[in-house]
């Protein structure tokens, strides 16, 4: 992240379990959500309404928020996808 000039403002411990209500709270001030699961990339518009599908996509099989999770202005990124991090966000 240092190579891209990204400053981390807040970190959450891996032992801290964040669930559905936490995921919804993250989206409260967001306008766009990207969720990466392997090579699959989903994009959601969450500016006017937070779809339940968007919140569900943010959660792993245990019901906890998937990692990594980034807030970039009004964009939330959950999961890792090389294309997303390199081309769209870089």
Protein backbone atom coordinates (compact mmCIF):
# COMPACT_ATOMS: atom_id res chain seq x y z
CA UNK A 1 0.00 0.00 0.00
CA UNK A 2 2.93 2.32 0.61
CA UNK A 3 3.98 1.94 -3.04
CA UNK A 4 0.60 3.34 -4.14
CA UNK A 5 0.65 6.14 -1.56
CA UNK A 6 -2.26 4.68 0.40
CA UNK A 7 -2.47 5.59 4.06
CA UNK A 8 -4.24 3.18 6.41
CA UNK A 9 -6.39 5.16 8.84
CA UNK A 10 -7.98 2.28 10.73
CA UNK A 11 -7.31 -1.43 11.11
CA UNK A 12 -9.49 -4.09 12.66
CA UNK A 13 -8.03 -7.18 14.28
CA UNK A 14 -8.74 -10.47 12.52
CA UNK A 15 -10.20 -11.74 15.79
CA UNK A 16 -12.82 -8.97 15.72
CA UNK A 17 -15.92 -10.50 14.14
CA UNK A 18 -17.97 -8.09 12.04
CA UNK A 19 -21.40 -9.27 10.94
CA UNK A 20 -24.38 -8.19 8.87
CA UNK A 21 -25.18 -5.05 10.89
CA UNK A 22 -21.53 -3.95 10.64
CA UNK A 23 -21.55 -4.52 6.87
CA UNK A 24 -24.73 -2.46 6.51
CA UNK A 25 -23.21 0.33 8.63
CA UNK A 26 -20.16 0.45 6.32
CA UNK A 27 -22.47 1.06 3.37
CA UNK A 28 -24.41 3.87 5.05
CA UNK A 29 -22.22 6.67 3.64
CA UNK A 30 -21.06 4.81 0.52
CA UNK A 31 -22.25 5.16 -3.05
CA UNK A 32 -20.55 2.15 -4.68
CA UNK A 33 -19.61 -1.34 -3.50
CA UNK A 34 -17.27 -3.80 -5.20
CA UNK A 35 -17.23 -7.39 -3.94
CA UNK A 36 -14.54 -9.74 -5.22
CA UNK A 37 -14.79 -13.49 -4.74
CA UNK A 38 -11.93 -15.09 -6.61
CA UNK A 39 -12.17 -14.01 -10.25
CA UNK A 40 -15.83 -13.01 -9.88
CA UNK A 41 -16.38 -9.29 -9.36
CA UNK A 42 -19.76 -7.81 -8.40
CA UNK A 43 -20.57 -4.11 -8.40
CA UNK A 44 -23.47 -2.57 -6.49
CA UNK A 45 -24.84 0.96 -6.42
CA UNK A 46 -25.69 1.73 -2.81
CA UNK A 47 -26.13 5.51 -2.99
CA UNK A 48 -29.90 5.69 -2.56
CA UNK A 49 -30.77 2.26 -1.16
CA UNK A 50 -28.74 -0.60 0.30
CA UNK A 51 -29.85 -3.84 -1.40
CA UNK A 52 -29.88 -6.92 0.83
CA UNK A 53 -27.94 -8.74 -1.93
CA UNK A 54 -25.10 -6.22 -1.47
CA UNK A 55 -24.89 -6.84 2.27
CA UNK A 56 -25.09 -10.62 1.79
CA UNK A 57 -22.28 -10.48 -0.80
CA UNK A 58 -20.01 -8.81 1.75
CA UNK A 59 -20.31 -11.74 4.15
CA UNK A 60 -18.44 -15.03 4.12
CA UNK A 61 -19.90 -18.48 4.82
CA UNK A 62 -19.63 -17.92 8.58
CA UNK A 63 -21.68 -14.71 8.39
CA UNK A 64 -18.69 -12.47 9.07
CA UNK A 65 -17.43 -9.62 6.90
CA UNK A 66 -14.97 -10.93 4.33
CA UNK A 67 -11.44 -9.58 4.19
CA UNK A 68 -9.85 -7.42 3.07
CA UNK A 69 -12.34 -4.58 3.34
CA UNK A 70 -11.38 -1.09 2.20
CA UNK A 71 -13.12 2.26 2.24
CA UNK A 72 -11.87 4.54 -0.52
CA UNK A 73 -13.87 7.74 -0.24
CA UNK A 74 -17.46 6.72 -0.99
CA UNK A 75 -16.41 3.35 -2.44
CA UNK A 76 -16.27 0.15 -0.38
CA UNK A 77 -14.18 -2.79 -1.63
CA UNK A 78 -14.57 -6.25 -0.10
CA UNK A 79 -12.34 -9.16 -1.08
CA UNK A 80 -9.33 -9.22 -3.38
CA UNK A 81 -9.27 -9.14 -7.17
CA UNK A 82 -6.04 -8.29 -9.01
CA UNK A 83 -7.84 -6.48 -11.86
CA UNK A 84 -9.91 -4.37 -9.49
CA UNK A 85 -6.97 -3.30 -7.36
CA UNK A 86 -4.64 -2.71 -10.31
CA UNK A 87 -6.77 -1.19 -13.05
CA UNK A 88 -9.93 0.29 -11.57
CA UNK A 89 -8.62 1.53 -8.25
CA UNK A 90 -4.97 2.12 -9.13
